[in-house]
């Protein structure tokens, strides 16, 4: 069962539940295979790079379903069985949200700076223009 507190998302295909997890090892493998950073890969997946989508889905399944998905082709079959890539876009969006650092803005920008740097600070608060 998927645990959103651990950055996991559930996906049900043909009555079977799968847990998608972007583990550190999966992210590194993804970057190495495509020789790109994870942000670039996700942008390509959003722009319908089917190679990127299939590889991302395959790696998201490895933490909990590696025995069932021994090849990228098997992940491609799951994508087809689920109804196509649009089903995975919702899951990827949920996964991205589940893996946001606490306090991070939904738009990917860091949270607003806090006033001062501590109670003993002699620095004045930062003023926005």
Protein backbone atom coordinates (compact mmCIF):
# COMPACT_ATOMS: atom_id res chain seq x y z
CA UNK A 1 0.00 0.00 0.00
CA UNK A 2 1.32 3.43 -0.97
CA UNK A 3 2.41 5.75 1.82
CA UNK A 4 2.28 9.44 0.78
CA UNK A 5 4.33 10.35 3.87
CA UNK A 6 7.19 8.37 2.30
CA UNK A 7 6.69 9.95 -1.12
CA UNK A 8 4.74 7.03 -2.56
CA UNK A 9 1.65 7.09 -4.79
CA UNK A 10 -0.84 4.30 -5.47
CA UNK A 11 -1.94 3.40 -8.97
CA UNK A 12 -4.63 0.80 -9.70
CA UNK A 13 -4.56 -0.89 -13.10
CA UNK A 14 -7.04 -3.64 -13.99
CA UNK A 15 -7.91 -4.13 -10.32
CA UNK A 16 -4.29 -4.46 -9.18
CA UNK A 17 -2.65 -1.85 -6.97
CA UNK A 18 0.87 -0.66 -7.70
CA UNK A 19 3.03 1.59 -5.58
CA UNK A 20 5.09 4.21 -7.39
CA UNK A 21 8.15 5.52 -5.57
CA UNK A 22 10.86 7.85 -6.79
CA UNK A 23 13.68 6.48 -4.68
CA UNK A 24 17.12 8.05 -4.63
CA UNK A 25 18.55 5.06 -6.48
CA UNK A 26 15.85 5.27 -9.14
CA UNK A 27 16.52 8.97 -9.65
CA UNK A 28 20.27 8.38 -10.03
CA UNK A 29 19.68 5.48 -12.43
CA UNK A 30 17.33 7.65 -14.46
CA UNK A 31 19.89 10.46 -14.68
CA UNK A 32 22.67 8.06 -15.65
CA UNK A 33 20.65 6.25 -18.32
CA UNK A 34 19.48 9.43 -20.03
CA UNK A 35 22.55 11.55 -19.15
CA UNK A 36 20.26 14.36 -18.00
CA UNK A 37 19.12 15.83 -14.71
CA UNK A 38 15.84 14.66 -13.21
CA UNK A 39 14.18 18.03 -13.89
CA UNK A 40 15.03 17.83 -17.59
CA UNK A 41 13.73 14.26 -17.76
CA UNK A 42 10.42 15.22 -16.14
CA UNK A 43 10.07 18.16 -18.54
CA UNK A 44 10.63 15.80 -21.47
CA UNK A 45 8.08 13.37 -20.04
CA UNK A 46 5.60 16.26 -19.75
CA UNK A 47 6.33 17.14 -23.39
CA UNK A 48 5.42 13.55 -24.36
CA UNK A 49 8.85 12.00 -24.79
CA UNK A 50 7.63 8.41 -24.78
CA UNK A 51 11.11 7.07 -24.08
CA UNK A 52 11.34 9.25 -20.97
CA UNK A 53 7.82 8.38 -19.84
CA UNK A 54 8.38 4.63 -20.13
CA UNK A 55 11.74 4.79 -18.36
CA UNK A 56 10.33 6.97 -15.57
CA UNK A 57 7.41 4.60 -15.02
CA UNK A 58 9.72 1.56 -15.05
CA UNK A 59 12.00 3.11 -12.44
CA UNK A 60 9.08 4.23 -10.25
CA UNK A 61 7.98 0.59 -10.09
CA UNK A 62 11.38 -0.82 -9.10
CA UNK A 63 11.20 -0.11 -5.34
CA UNK A 64 8.13 -2.31 -4.81
CA UNK A 65 7.57 -4.25 -8.05
CA UNK A 66 10.99 -5.05 -9.52
CA UNK A 67 10.19 -8.75 -9.87
CA UNK A 68 7.12 -7.97 -11.98
CA UNK A 69 8.82 -5.31 -14.11
CA UNK A 70 12.19 -6.70 -15.09
CA UNK A 71 12.32 -4.72 -18.33
CA UNK A 72 11.25 -1.31 -19.57
CA UNK A 73 9.03 -3.08 -22.11
CA UNK A 74 6.94 -4.51 -19.26
CA UNK A 75 6.43 -0.99 -17.93
CA UNK A 76 5.31 0.01 -21.41
CA UNK A 77 2.73 -2.77 -21.34
CA UNK A 78 1.46 -1.49 -17.99
CA UNK A 79 1.12 2.00 -19.45
CA UNK A 80 -0.96 0.54 -22.29
CA UNK A 81 -3.07 -1.56 -19.90
CA UNK A 82 -3.70 1.50 -17.71
CA UNK A 83 -5.18 3.38 -20.66
CA UNK A 84 -2.14 5.25 -21.93
CA UNK A 85 0.25 7.92 -20.77
CA UNK A 86 -2.44 10.36 -19.61
CA UNK A 87 -3.16 8.04 -16.65
CA UNK A 88 0.46 8.34 -15.57
CA UNK A 89 0.53 12.13 -15.81
CA UNK A 90 -1.92 12.30 -12.90
CA UNK A 91 0.18 9.79 -10.96
CA UNK A 92 3.40 11.68 -11.74
CA UNK A 93 1.83 14.95 -10.60
CA UNK A 94 0.74 13.33 -7.33
CA UNK A 95 4.20 11.82 -6.94
CA UNK A 96 5.86 15.20 -7.49
CA UNK A 97 3.62 16.75 -4.83
CA UNK A 98 4.29 13.88 -2.40
CA UNK A 99 8.04 14.41 -2.81
CA UNK A 100 8.05 18.21 -2.39
CA UNK A 101 10.26 19.35 0.47
CA UNK A 102 8.20 20.64 3.38
CA UNK A 103 7.53 24.35 2.97
CA UNK A 104 8.36 24.38 -0.74
CA UNK A 105 5.98 26.33 -2.93
CA UNK A 106 3.86 24.44 -5.43
CA UNK A 107 5.46 26.41 -8.26
CA UNK A 108 8.91 25.09 -7.36
CA UNK A 109 10.17 28.39 -5.99
CA UNK A 110 11.64 28.51 -2.49
CA UNK A 111 9.46 29.93 0.29
CA UNK A 112 9.71 33.63 1.11
CA UNK A 113 12.72 34.66 3.21
CA UNK A 114 12.14 35.18 6.91
CA UNK A 115 12.91 38.45 8.66
CA UNK A 116 16.34 38.63 10.30
CA UNK A 117 18.69 35.74 10.97
CA UNK A 118 18.05 35.05 14.64
CA UNK A 119 17.41 36.83 17.91
CA UNK A 120 21.06 37.88 18.35
CA UNK A 121 21.45 39.08 14.79
CA UNK A 122 22.51 42.65 14.16
CA UNK A 123 21.47 42.36 10.51
CA UNK A 124 18.32 44.26 9.57
CA UNK A 125 15.41 42.28 8.09
CA UNK A 126 15.54 41.83 4.33
CA UNK A 127 13.18 44.23 2.57
CA UNK A 128 11.58 43.18 -0.72
CA UNK A 129 11.44 45.71 -3.55
